[in-house]
Amino acid sequence: MSLAALRAVLILHALGVLMQATLAGRFLSGEDASVKIHEVTGWVIAGICLIQIVLAVVVKEIPLWFVVASVVIFLGEGLQVGTGYGRFLNVHIPLSILITAAVIWQILWVVRQRTTA
């Protein structure tokens, strides 16, 4: 596996997270249909994060802190799904901001890494 594969997965991860914000905004503006897409996308993002964790473990250039951060993000996304179903918006909304920031930060770090192949 390569650093390029991890970059691609991180980009998908970030696009999914940003799509969630858009879907939430559409729902809050009165479009009820976006809730189902928001739900499905939440599960897809968690799956993408699992792939990210596997790649982070396999790619030699990735340090342990990055793997740990990916696991923490995955756990946060699990909490995010639970708080979404429970309608705990006081946790759900701030947690979404933290997840988005963490994924963007990971992308910035990975993009700056040079491929040693």
N, C-alpha and C. Protein backbone atom coordinates (compact mmCIF):
# COMPACT_ATOMS: atom_id res chain seq x y z
N MET A 1 0.84 -1.19 0.00
CA MET A 1 0.00 0.00 0.00
C MET A 1 0.88 1.24 0.00
N SER A 2 0.33 2.31 -0.50
CA SER A 2 1.14 3.51 -0.65
C SER A 2 0.53 4.71 0.06
N LEU A 3 1.36 5.71 0.21
CA LEU A 3 0.92 6.97 0.78
C LEU A 3 -0.16 7.61 -0.10
N ALA A 4 -0.07 7.39 -1.41
CA ALA A 4 -1.07 7.94 -2.34
C ALA A 4 -2.46 7.36 -2.06
N ALA A 5 -2.52 6.08 -1.72
CA ALA A 5 -3.81 5.46 -1.39
C ALA A 5 -4.39 6.08 -0.13
N LEU A 6 -3.54 6.32 0.87
CA LEU A 6 -4.01 6.96 2.10
C LEU A 6 -4.50 8.38 1.81
N ARG A 7 -3.78 9.09 0.96
CA ARG A 7 -4.22 10.44 0.58
C ARG A 7 -5.60 10.39 -0.06
N ALA A 8 -5.82 9.45 -0.96
CA ALA A 8 -7.11 9.34 -1.64
C ALA A 8 -8.23 9.03 -0.65
N VAL A 9 -7.97 8.13 0.29
CA VAL A 9 -8.99 7.79 1.29
C VAL A 9 -9.28 9.00 2.18
N LEU A 10 -8.25 9.73 2.55
CA LEU A 10 -8.45 10.93 3.37
C LEU A 10 -9.27 11.98 2.63
N ILE A 11 -9.05 12.12 1.35
CA ILE A 11 -9.84 13.07 0.56
C ILE A 11 -11.31 12.64 0.54
N LEU A 12 -11.56 11.35 0.36
CA LEU A 12 -12.94 10.84 0.42
C LEU A 12 -13.55 11.08 1.79
N HIS A 13 -12.75 10.85 2.82
CA HIS A 13 -13.20 11.05 4.19
C HIS A 13 -13.62 12.52 4.39
N ALA A 14 -12.76 13.42 3.96
CA ALA A 14 -13.06 14.85 4.11
C ALA A 14 -14.28 15.26 3.30
N LEU A 15 -14.39 14.76 2.09
CA LEU A 15 -15.56 15.09 1.27
C LEU A 15 -16.84 14.60 1.94
N GLY A 16 -16.79 13.41 2.54
CA GLY A 16 -17.96 12.89 3.25
C GLY A 16 -18.32 13.76 4.44
N VAL A 17 -17.32 14.16 5.20
CA VAL A 17 -17.56 14.99 6.38
C VAL A 17 -18.14 16.34 5.96
N LEU A 18 -17.60 16.92 4.91
CA LEU A 18 -18.11 18.22 4.44
C LEU A 18 -19.52 18.07 3.85
N MET A 19 -19.78 16.94 3.23
CA MET A 19 -21.12 16.68 2.71
C MET A 19 -22.12 16.60 3.87
N GLN A 20 -21.70 16.03 4.99
CA GLN A 20 -22.57 15.95 6.16
C GLN A 20 -23.01 17.33 6.63
N ALA A 21 -22.09 18.27 6.63
CA ALA A 21 -22.43 19.64 7.05
C ALA A 21 -23.46 20.24 6.09
N THR A 22 -23.28 20.00 4.82
CA THR A 22 -24.22 20.51 3.83
C THR A 22 -25.60 19.88 4.02
N LEU A 23 -25.62 18.57 4.21
CA LEU A 23 -26.91 17.88 4.42
C LEU A 23 -27.59 18.34 5.69
N ALA A 24 -26.82 18.57 6.75
CA ALA A 24 -27.41 19.06 8.00
C ALA A 24 -28.01 20.44 7.80
N GLY A 25 -27.31 21.27 7.07
CA GLY A 25 -27.83 22.61 6.78
C GLY A 25 -29.13 22.56 5.98
N ARG A 26 -29.18 21.65 5.02
CA ARG A 26 -30.40 21.51 4.22
C ARG A 26 -31.57 21.04 5.08
N PHE A 27 -31.28 20.10 5.98
CA PHE A 27 -32.33 19.62 6.88
C PHE A 27 -32.82 20.75 7.79
N LEU A 28 -31.89 21.50 8.35
CA LEU A 28 -32.26 22.60 9.25
C LEU A 28 -33.03 23.70 8.53
N SER A 29 -32.86 23.78 7.21
CA SER A 29 -33.61 24.78 6.45
C SER A 29 -34.96 24.24 5.98
N GLY A 30 -35.31 23.02 6.39
CA GLY A 30 -36.64 22.51 6.12
C GLY A 30 -36.75 21.39 5.11
N GLU A 31 -35.64 20.90 4.59
CA GLU A 31 -35.69 19.82 3.60
C GLU A 31 -35.55 18.47 4.32
N ASP A 32 -36.66 17.83 4.59
CA ASP A 32 -36.67 16.61 5.39
C ASP A 32 -35.98 15.43 4.72
N ALA A 33 -35.98 15.38 3.40
CA ALA A 33 -35.40 14.24 2.68
C ALA A 33 -33.90 14.11 2.92
N SER A 34 -33.23 15.19 3.25
CA SER A 34 -31.78 15.13 3.43
C SER A 34 -31.37 14.37 4.69
N VAL A 35 -32.29 14.15 5.62
CA VAL A 35 -31.96 13.43 6.85
C VAL A 35 -31.55 11.99 6.56
N LYS A 36 -32.26 11.32 5.67
CA LYS A 36 -31.93 9.93 5.34
C LYS A 36 -30.56 9.85 4.68
N ILE A 37 -30.26 10.78 3.79
CA ILE A 37 -28.95 10.80 3.14
C ILE A 37 -27.87 11.10 4.18
N HIS A 38 -28.16 12.00 5.13
CA HIS A 38 -27.24 12.33 6.21
C HIS A 38 -26.94 11.08 7.05
N GLU A 39 -27.96 10.29 7.32
CA GLU A 39 -27.79 9.06 8.08
C GLU A 39 -26.89 8.07 7.35
N VAL A 40 -27.20 7.80 6.10
CA VAL A 40 -26.42 6.84 5.31
C VAL A 40 -24.98 7.32 5.16
N THR A 41 -24.82 8.59 4.89
CA THR A 41 -23.47 9.15 4.73
C THR A 41 -22.66 9.01 6.01
N GLY A 42 -23.31 9.14 7.16
CA GLY A 42 -22.62 8.96 8.43
C GLY A 42 -22.01 7.56 8.56
N TRP A 43 -22.78 6.55 8.16
CA TRP A 43 -22.27 5.18 8.20
C TRP A 43 -21.16 4.97 7.17
N VAL A 44 -21.31 5.56 6.00
CA VAL A 44 -20.27 5.44 4.96
C VAL A 44 -18.96 6.07 5.44
N ILE A 45 -19.07 7.22 6.09
CA ILE A 45 -17.88 7.90 6.60
C ILE A 45 -17.16 7.02 7.62
N ALA A 46 -17.92 6.37 8.50
CA ALA A 46 -17.30 5.47 9.47
C ALA A 46 -16.57 4.32 8.77
N GLY A 47 -17.15 3.80 7.71
CA GLY A 47 -16.49 2.76 6.91
C GLY A 47 -15.21 3.26 6.25
N ILE A 48 -15.27 4.47 5.72
CA ILE A 48 -14.08 5.07 5.12
C ILE A 48 -12.99 5.23 6.17
N CYS A 49 -13.38 5.62 7.37
CA CYS A 49 -12.40 5.79 8.44
C CYS A 49 -11.75 4.46 8.81
N LEU A 50 -12.50 3.37 8.77
CA LEU A 50 -11.90 2.05 9.01
C LEU A 50 -10.84 1.73 7.97
N ILE A 51 -11.14 2.03 6.72
CA ILE A 51 -10.17 1.83 5.64
C ILE A 51 -8.94 2.71 5.89
N GLN A 52 -9.18 3.93 6.33
CA GLN A 52 -8.08 4.85 6.64
C GLN A 52 -7.18 4.27 7.73
N ILE A 53 -7.78 3.68 8.77
CA ILE A 53 -6.99 3.09 9.85
C ILE A 53 -6.12 1.95 9.33
N VAL A 54 -6.71 1.08 8.51
CA VAL A 54 -5.94 -0.04 7.95
C VAL A 54 -4.77 0.49 7.12
N LEU A 55 -5.03 1.46 6.27
CA LEU A 55 -3.94 2.02 5.45
C LEU A 55 -2.88 2.69 6.31
N ALA A 56 -3.31 3.39 7.35
CA ALA A 56 -2.35 4.06 8.23
C ALA A 56 -1.44 3.05 8.92
N VAL A 57 -1.97 1.88 9.22
CA VAL A 57 -1.16 0.83 9.85
C VAL A 57 -0.20 0.22 8.83
N VAL A 58 -0.65 0.04 7.60
CA VAL A 58 0.12 -0.67 6.59
C VAL A 58 1.21 0.21 5.95
N VAL A 59 0.92 1.48 5.74
CA VAL A 59 1.89 2.37 5.07
C VAL A 59 3.05 2.65 6.01
N LYS A 60 4.25 2.36 5.56
CA LYS A 60 5.44 2.45 6.41
C LYS A 60 5.75 3.87 6.87
N GLU A 61 5.45 4.86 6.06
CA GLU A 61 5.82 6.23 6.38
C GLU A 61 4.94 6.88 7.45
N ILE A 62 3.89 6.21 7.86
CA ILE A 62 2.92 6.81 8.78
C ILE A 62 3.31 6.52 10.23
N PRO A 63 3.46 7.58 11.03
CA PRO A 63 3.83 7.39 12.43
C PRO A 63 2.65 6.89 13.29
N LEU A 64 2.98 6.39 14.46
CA LEU A 64 1.98 5.83 15.36
C LEU A 64 0.93 6.87 15.76
N TRP A 65 1.33 8.11 15.97
CA TRP A 65 0.36 9.12 16.41
C TRP A 65 -0.74 9.31 15.38
N PHE A 66 -0.40 9.13 14.09
CA PHE A 66 -1.40 9.28 13.04
C PHE A 66 -2.42 8.14 13.11
N VAL A 67 -1.93 6.93 13.37
CA VAL A 67 -2.82 5.78 13.52
C VAL A 67 -3.75 5.99 14.72
N VAL A 68 -3.17 6.43 15.84
CA VAL A 68 -3.97 6.69 17.04
C VAL A 68 -5.01 7.77 16.78
N ALA A 69 -4.61 8.84 16.08
CA ALA A 69 -5.56 9.91 15.75
C ALA A 69 -6.69 9.38 14.87
N SER A 70 -6.37 8.50 13.94
CA SER A 70 -7.40 7.92 13.08
C SER A 70 -8.38 7.07 13.88
N VAL A 71 -7.87 6.32 14.86
CA VAL A 71 -8.74 5.52 15.72
C VAL A 71 -9.63 6.43 16.56
N VAL A 72 -9.07 7.51 17.09
CA VAL A 72 -9.86 8.46 17.89
C VAL A 72 -10.96 9.09 17.03
N ILE A 73 -10.62 9.43 15.79
CA ILE A 73 -11.63 9.99 14.88
C ILE A 73 -12.74 8.96 14.63
N PHE A 74 -12.35 7.71 14.43
CA PHE A 74 -13.35 6.65 14.22
C PHE A 74 -14.28 6.53 15.42
N LEU A 75 -13.70 6.55 16.62
CA LEU A 75 -14.52 6.48 17.84
C LEU A 75 -15.44 7.70 17.94
N GLY A 76 -14.91 8.87 17.57
CA GLY A 76 -15.73 10.08 17.55
C GLY A 76 -16.87 9.97 16.56
N GLU A 77 -16.59 9.36 15.42
CA GLU A 77 -17.65 9.19 14.42
C GLU A 77 -18.71 8.20 14.91
N GLY A 78 -18.29 7.19 15.67
CA GLY A 78 -19.27 6.29 16.27
C GLY A 78 -20.15 7.03 17.27
N LEU A 79 -19.54 7.86 18.09
CA LEU A 79 -20.30 8.70 19.01
C LEU A 79 -21.21 9.65 18.24
N GLN A 80 -20.71 10.14 17.13
CA GLN A 80 -21.48 11.06 16.29
C GLN A 80 -22.75 10.38 15.77
N VAL A 81 -22.63 9.15 15.32
CA VAL A 81 -23.80 8.40 14.85
C VAL A 81 -24.80 8.22 16.00
N GLY A 82 -24.29 7.83 17.15
CA GLY A 82 -25.17 7.63 18.31
C GLY A 82 -25.87 8.89 18.76
N THR A 83 -25.15 10.00 18.80
CA THR A 83 -25.77 11.26 19.21
C THR A 83 -26.74 11.77 18.15
N GLY A 84 -26.50 11.41 16.92
CA GLY A 84 -27.44 11.79 15.86
C GLY A 84 -28.77 11.06 16.02
N TYR A 85 -28.69 9.74 16.23
CA TYR A 85 -29.91 8.97 16.45
C TYR A 85 -30.63 9.42 17.72
N GLY A 86 -29.86 9.78 18.74
CA GLY A 86 -30.45 10.20 20.01
C GLY A 86 -30.90 11.65 20.02
N ARG A 87 -30.61 12.37 18.95
CA ARG A 87 -30.96 13.79 18.83
C ARG A 87 -30.29 14.65 19.91
N PHE A 88 -29.07 14.27 20.30
CA PHE A 88 -28.31 15.04 21.27
C PHE A 88 -27.48 16.08 20.53
N LEU A 89 -28.14 17.12 20.05
CA LEU A 89 -27.47 18.11 19.20
C LEU A 89 -26.42 18.91 19.94
N ASN A 90 -26.53 18.99 21.28
CA ASN A 90 -25.52 19.71 22.05
C ASN A 90 -24.16 19.01 21.99
N VAL A 91 -24.16 17.74 21.69
CA VAL A 91 -22.92 16.98 21.49
C VAL A 91 -22.66 16.81 19.99
N HIS A 92 -23.69 16.50 19.25
CA HIS A 92 -23.58 16.17 17.83
C HIS A 92 -22.95 17.29 17.00
N ILE A 93 -23.38 18.50 17.21
CA ILE A 93 -22.89 19.61 16.39
C ILE A 93 -21.44 19.97 16.73
N PRO A 94 -21.08 20.18 18.01
CA PRO A 94 -19.67 20.48 18.29
C PRO A 94 -18.73 19.33 17.90
N LEU A 95 -19.18 18.09 18.08
CA LEU A 95 -18.35 16.95 17.71
C LEU A 95 -18.11 16.93 16.21
N SER A 96 -19.10 17.32 15.43
CA SER A 96 -18.91 17.36 13.97
C SER A 96 -17.82 18.35 13.58
N ILE A 97 -17.75 19.45 14.30
CA ILE A 97 -16.72 20.45 14.02
C ILE A 97 -15.34 19.89 14.36
N LEU A 98 -15.23 19.20 15.48
CA LEU A 98 -13.95 18.59 15.87
C LEU A 98 -13.51 17.52 14.87
N ILE A 99 -14.45 16.70 14.43
CA ILE A 99 -14.12 15.65 13.45
C ILE A 99 -13.66 16.28 12.15
N THR A 100 -14.37 17.28 11.69
CA THR A 100 -14.00 17.95 10.44
C THR A 100 -12.60 18.54 10.55
N ALA A 101 -12.32 19.23 11.63
CA ALA A 101 -11.00 19.83 11.82
C ALA A 101 -9.91 18.77 11.86
N ALA A 102 -10.17 17.66 12.54
CA ALA A 102 -9.17 16.60 12.65
C ALA A 102 -8.87 15.96 11.30
N VAL A 103 -9.90 15.72 10.50
CA VAL A 103 -9.70 15.11 9.19
C VAL A 103 -8.96 16.07 8.26
N ILE A 104 -9.32 17.34 8.28
CA ILE A 104 -8.62 18.33 7.46
C ILE A 104 -7.15 18.42 7.89
N TRP A 105 -6.90 18.40 9.20
CA TRP A 105 -5.53 18.44 9.71
C TRP A 105 -4.75 17.23 9.22
N GLN A 106 -5.37 16.05 9.22
CA GLN A 106 -4.69 14.85 8.72
C GLN A 106 -4.37 14.96 7.24
N ILE A 107 -5.30 15.51 6.47
CA ILE A 107 -5.02 15.70 5.04
C ILE A 107 -3.83 16.62 4.85
N LEU A 108 -3.80 17.72 5.57
CA LEU A 108 -2.69 18.65 5.44
C LEU A 108 -1.37 17.98 5.78
N TRP A 109 -1.36 17.15 6.80
CA TRP A 109 -0.13 16.47 7.18
C TRP A 109 0.30 15.46 6.10
N VAL A 110 -0.66 14.65 5.62
CA VAL A 110 -0.33 13.61 4.64
C VAL A 110 0.11 14.22 3.31
N VAL A 111 -0.51 15.30 2.91
CA VAL A 111 -0.14 15.93 1.63
C VAL A 111 1.30 16.45 1.69
N ARG A 112 1.74 16.87 2.86
CA ARG A 112 3.10 17.41 2.99
C ARG A 112 4.17 16.32 3.03
N GLN A 113 3.78 15.07 3.21
CA GLN A 113 4.74 13.98 3.26
C GLN A 113 5.20 13.60 1.87
N ARG A 114 6.47 13.32 1.76
CA ARG A 114 7.04 12.90 0.48
C ARG A 114 7.00 11.39 0.38
N THR A 115 6.73 10.91 -0.82
CA THR A 115 6.73 9.49 -1.08
C THR A 115 8.18 9.01 -1.18
N THR A 116 8.51 7.95 -0.45
CA THR A 116 9.88 7.43 -0.46
C THR A 116 10.05 6.23 -1.37
N ALA A 117 9.09 6.00 -2.24
CA ALA A 117 9.15 4.81 -3.12
C ALA A 117 10.04 5.00 -4.29
